[in-house]
């Protein structure tokens, strides 16, 4: 219903940009402790990243509604991040 509207495409563009900026920074910070095995560690992180994306896309395909899937994943991410964000 809304997937053909700019009201859907605009936020999706922001999601894609956020992934493009966040993933290299997160992986770079995660690989600091593996300087002696940087290639292998990057390959393992990359494999896990693409497996997670594949699993998520499979679930979205089964649900047949990207908007609700993104909303659900966003709320789950907020719920999981809340203890870190709101701790004293």
N, C-alpha and C. Protein backbone atom coordinates (compact mmCIF):
# COMPACT_ATOMS: atom_id res chain seq x y z
N UNK A 1 0.82 -1.17 0.00
CA UNK A 1 0.00 0.00 0.00
C UNK A 1 0.88 1.25 0.00
N UNK A 2 1.74 1.43 1.00
CA UNK A 2 2.60 2.61 1.05
C UNK A 2 3.96 2.38 0.40
N UNK A 3 4.22 1.17 -0.06
CA UNK A 3 5.54 0.85 -0.58
C UNK A 3 5.82 1.51 -1.92
N UNK A 4 4.83 2.09 -2.57
CA UNK A 4 5.04 2.81 -3.82
C UNK A 4 5.15 4.31 -3.60
N UNK A 5 5.08 4.75 -2.38
CA UNK A 5 5.05 6.17 -2.06
C UNK A 5 6.43 6.67 -1.64
N UNK A 6 6.68 7.96 -1.80
CA UNK A 6 7.93 8.54 -1.34
C UNK A 6 8.00 8.51 0.19
N UNK A 7 6.85 8.39 0.85
CA UNK A 7 6.83 8.29 2.30
C UNK A 7 7.49 7.00 2.79
N UNK A 8 7.59 6.03 1.91
CA UNK A 8 8.27 4.78 2.23
C UNK A 8 9.70 4.81 1.72
N UNK A 9 9.90 5.34 0.53
CA UNK A 9 11.23 5.33 -0.09
C UNK A 9 12.20 6.25 0.67
N UNK A 10 11.72 7.38 1.14
CA UNK A 10 12.58 8.32 1.87
C UNK A 10 13.21 7.70 3.12
N UNK A 11 12.40 7.14 4.02
CA UNK A 11 12.99 6.47 5.19
C UNK A 11 13.87 5.27 4.82
N UNK A 12 13.50 4.56 3.76
CA UNK A 12 14.34 3.43 3.34
C UNK A 12 15.72 3.92 2.90
N UNK A 13 15.76 5.07 2.23
CA UNK A 13 17.04 5.66 1.84
C UNK A 13 17.88 5.97 3.08
N UNK A 14 17.24 6.48 4.13
CA UNK A 14 17.96 6.74 5.37
C UNK A 14 18.50 5.46 6.00
N UNK A 15 17.73 4.38 5.94
CA UNK A 15 18.19 3.10 6.48
C UNK A 15 19.41 2.61 5.71
N UNK A 16 19.37 2.69 4.39
CA UNK A 16 20.50 2.24 3.57
C UNK A 16 21.74 3.09 3.86
N UNK A 17 21.57 4.40 3.96
CA UNK A 17 22.70 5.28 4.29
C UNK A 17 23.26 4.97 5.67
N UNK A 18 22.39 4.70 6.63
CA UNK A 18 22.84 4.39 7.98
C UNK A 18 23.66 3.11 8.00
N UNK A 19 23.21 2.09 7.27
CA UNK A 19 23.98 0.85 7.20
C UNK A 19 25.33 1.09 6.54
N UNK A 20 25.33 1.88 5.47
CA UNK A 20 26.58 2.16 4.77
C UNK A 20 27.59 2.90 5.62
N UNK A 21 27.12 3.71 6.55
CA UNK A 21 28.03 4.44 7.43
C UNK A 21 28.38 3.64 8.68
N UNK A 22 27.45 2.87 9.20
CA UNK A 22 27.66 2.20 10.48
C UNK A 22 28.49 0.93 10.37
N UNK A 23 28.23 0.11 9.38
CA UNK A 23 28.89 -1.20 9.30
C UNK A 23 30.40 -1.09 9.23
N UNK A 24 30.99 -0.25 8.37
CA UNK A 24 32.45 -0.16 8.37
C UNK A 24 33.02 0.34 9.70
N UNK A 25 32.34 1.28 10.35
CA UNK A 25 32.82 1.77 11.63
C UNK A 25 32.72 0.72 12.73
N UNK A 26 31.63 -0.02 12.74
CA UNK A 26 31.46 -1.07 13.75
C UNK A 26 32.49 -2.18 13.54
N UNK A 27 32.66 -2.61 12.30
CA UNK A 27 33.63 -3.67 12.03
C UNK A 27 35.05 -3.20 12.31
N UNK A 28 35.35 -1.95 11.97
CA UNK A 28 36.69 -1.42 12.25
C UNK A 28 36.99 -1.42 13.74
N UNK A 29 36.02 -1.00 14.55
CA UNK A 29 36.21 -1.00 16.00
C UNK A 29 36.29 -2.42 16.55
N UNK A 30 35.53 -3.34 15.97
CA UNK A 30 35.54 -4.72 16.45
C UNK A 30 36.83 -5.45 16.11
N UNK A 31 37.49 -5.04 15.04
CA UNK A 31 38.70 -5.73 14.59
C UNK A 31 39.99 -5.19 15.20
N UNK A 32 39.90 -4.20 16.08
CA UNK A 32 41.10 -3.61 16.67
C UNK A 32 41.91 -4.65 17.44
N UNK A 33 41.24 -5.55 18.12
CA UNK A 33 41.93 -6.56 18.92
C UNK A 33 42.50 -7.73 18.11
N UNK A 34 42.31 -7.72 16.81
CA UNK A 34 42.74 -8.84 15.98
C UNK A 34 43.74 -8.39 14.91
N UNK A 35 44.68 -7.54 15.28
CA UNK A 35 45.62 -7.00 14.31
C UNK A 35 46.46 -8.08 13.63
N UNK A 36 46.76 -9.16 14.34
CA UNK A 36 47.58 -10.22 13.75
C UNK A 36 46.79 -11.14 12.83
N UNK A 37 45.46 -11.10 12.89
CA UNK A 37 44.62 -11.95 12.04
C UNK A 37 43.52 -11.12 11.38
N UNK A 38 43.87 -9.96 10.88
CA UNK A 38 42.88 -9.02 10.36
C UNK A 38 42.09 -9.58 9.19
N UNK A 39 42.72 -10.25 8.26
CA UNK A 39 42.03 -10.79 7.09
C UNK A 39 41.02 -11.87 7.47
N UNK A 40 41.44 -12.79 8.33
CA UNK A 40 40.55 -13.86 8.75
C UNK A 40 39.39 -13.32 9.57
N UNK A 41 39.67 -12.40 10.49
CA UNK A 41 38.61 -11.82 11.32
C UNK A 41 37.61 -11.05 10.46
N UNK A 42 38.11 -10.30 9.49
CA UNK A 42 37.21 -9.56 8.61
C UNK A 42 36.35 -10.51 7.78
N UNK A 43 36.92 -11.62 7.35
CA UNK A 43 36.16 -12.60 6.57
C UNK A 43 35.07 -13.24 7.43
N UNK A 44 35.38 -13.56 8.67
CA UNK A 44 34.38 -14.17 9.56
C UNK A 44 33.27 -13.18 9.87
N UNK A 45 33.63 -11.93 10.20
CA UNK A 45 32.61 -10.92 10.45
C UNK A 45 31.75 -10.68 9.21
N UNK A 46 32.38 -10.64 8.05
CA UNK A 46 31.62 -10.45 6.81
C UNK A 46 30.66 -11.59 6.55
N UNK A 47 31.13 -12.82 6.78
CA UNK A 47 30.26 -13.99 6.60
C UNK A 47 29.05 -13.91 7.54
N UNK A 48 29.30 -13.61 8.81
CA UNK A 48 28.19 -13.52 9.76
C UNK A 48 27.24 -12.38 9.40
N UNK A 49 27.78 -11.27 8.91
CA UNK A 49 26.96 -10.13 8.50
C UNK A 49 26.03 -10.53 7.35
N UNK A 50 26.58 -11.18 6.34
CA UNK A 50 25.75 -11.55 5.19
C UNK A 50 24.80 -12.70 5.52
N UNK A 51 25.16 -13.58 6.42
CA UNK A 51 24.22 -14.61 6.86
C UNK A 51 23.05 -13.98 7.62
N UNK A 52 23.33 -12.98 8.45
CA UNK A 52 22.26 -12.29 9.17
C UNK A 52 21.35 -11.55 8.20
N UNK A 53 21.93 -10.89 7.20
CA UNK A 53 21.11 -10.20 6.20
C UNK A 53 20.25 -11.21 5.44
N UNK A 54 20.83 -12.34 5.06
CA UNK A 54 20.07 -13.37 4.34
C UNK A 54 18.93 -13.91 5.17
N UNK A 55 19.19 -14.15 6.45
CA UNK A 55 18.13 -14.65 7.33
C UNK A 55 17.02 -13.60 7.49
N UNK A 56 17.41 -12.34 7.64
CA UNK A 56 16.42 -11.28 7.76
C UNK A 56 15.60 -11.12 6.50
N UNK A 57 16.25 -11.18 5.34
CA UNK A 57 15.51 -11.07 4.09
C UNK A 57 14.58 -12.26 3.87
N UNK A 58 14.98 -13.43 4.33
CA UNK A 58 14.11 -14.60 4.24
C UNK A 58 12.85 -14.39 5.08
N UNK A 59 13.02 -13.86 6.30
CA UNK A 59 11.86 -13.60 7.14
C UNK A 59 10.95 -12.52 6.54
N UNK A 60 11.55 -11.48 5.96
CA UNK A 60 10.76 -10.43 5.31
C UNK A 60 10.00 -11.00 4.12
N UNK A 61 10.63 -11.89 3.37
CA UNK A 61 9.97 -12.51 2.22
C UNK A 61 8.77 -13.33 2.68
N UNK A 62 8.92 -14.06 3.76
CA UNK A 62 7.79 -14.84 4.27
C UNK A 62 6.68 -13.93 4.75
N UNK A 63 7.04 -12.81 5.38
CA UNK A 63 6.02 -11.89 5.90
C UNK A 63 5.36 -11.08 4.79
N UNK A 64 6.06 -10.83 3.69
CA UNK A 64 5.54 -10.07 2.55
C UNK A 64 5.15 -8.63 2.91
N UNK A 65 5.84 -8.05 3.90
CA UNK A 65 5.57 -6.65 4.24
C UNK A 65 6.83 -6.04 4.84
N UNK A 66 7.59 -5.33 4.02
CA UNK A 66 8.86 -4.76 4.45
C UNK A 66 8.68 -3.69 5.50
N UNK A 67 7.64 -2.89 5.39
CA UNK A 67 7.41 -1.82 6.36
C UNK A 67 7.24 -2.34 7.77
N UNK A 68 6.37 -3.32 7.95
CA UNK A 68 6.16 -3.88 9.29
C UNK A 68 7.39 -4.62 9.77
N UNK A 69 8.09 -5.24 8.86
CA UNK A 69 9.32 -5.94 9.24
C UNK A 69 10.36 -4.96 9.76
N UNK A 70 10.52 -3.82 9.07
CA UNK A 70 11.48 -2.81 9.54
C UNK A 70 11.05 -2.22 10.87
N UNK A 71 9.77 -1.98 11.02
CA UNK A 71 9.27 -1.44 12.29
C UNK A 71 9.53 -2.42 13.43
N UNK A 72 9.27 -3.69 13.20
CA UNK A 72 9.50 -4.72 14.21
C UNK A 72 10.98 -4.81 14.56
N UNK A 73 11.85 -4.82 13.55
CA UNK A 73 13.29 -4.90 13.80
C UNK A 73 13.80 -3.65 14.51
N UNK A 74 13.28 -2.49 14.15
CA UNK A 74 13.67 -1.26 14.83
C UNK A 74 13.28 -1.25 16.29
N UNK A 75 12.06 -1.68 16.57
CA UNK A 75 11.62 -1.75 17.96
C UNK A 75 12.42 -2.78 18.75
N UNK A 76 12.75 -3.91 18.12
CA UNK A 76 13.58 -4.91 18.79
C UNK A 76 14.98 -4.35 19.07
N UNK A 77 15.54 -3.60 18.13
CA UNK A 77 16.85 -3.00 18.34
C UNK A 77 16.81 -1.98 19.48
N UNK A 78 15.76 -1.18 19.54
CA UNK A 78 15.62 -0.22 20.65
C UNK A 78 15.49 -0.94 21.99
N UNK A 79 14.74 -2.00 22.00
CA UNK A 79 14.54 -2.77 23.23
C UNK A 79 15.86 -3.39 23.69
N UNK A 80 16.65 -3.91 22.74
CA UNK A 80 17.93 -4.52 23.10
C UNK A 80 18.97 -3.48 23.50
N UNK A 81 18.89 -2.28 22.91
CA UNK A 81 19.87 -1.24 23.21
C UNK A 81 19.50 -0.43 24.45
N UNK A 82 18.27 -0.50 24.90
CA UNK A 82 17.80 0.33 26.02
C UNK A 82 18.66 0.19 27.28
N UNK A 83 19.07 -1.00 27.69
CA UNK A 83 19.89 -1.08 28.92
C UNK A 83 21.21 -0.31 28.77
N UNK A 84 21.80 -0.30 27.61
CA UNK A 84 23.05 0.44 27.42
C UNK A 84 22.82 1.94 27.36
N UNK A 85 21.76 2.33 26.68
CA UNK A 85 21.51 3.75 26.47
C UNK A 85 21.04 4.43 27.75
N UNK A 86 20.20 3.78 28.51
CA UNK A 86 19.56 4.42 29.64
C UNK A 86 20.15 4.03 31.00
N UNK A 87 21.32 3.42 31.02
CA UNK A 87 21.91 3.11 32.32
C UNK A 87 22.51 4.36 32.94
N UNK A 88 22.58 4.36 34.24
CA UNK A 88 23.05 5.55 34.97
C UNK A 88 24.53 5.61 35.06
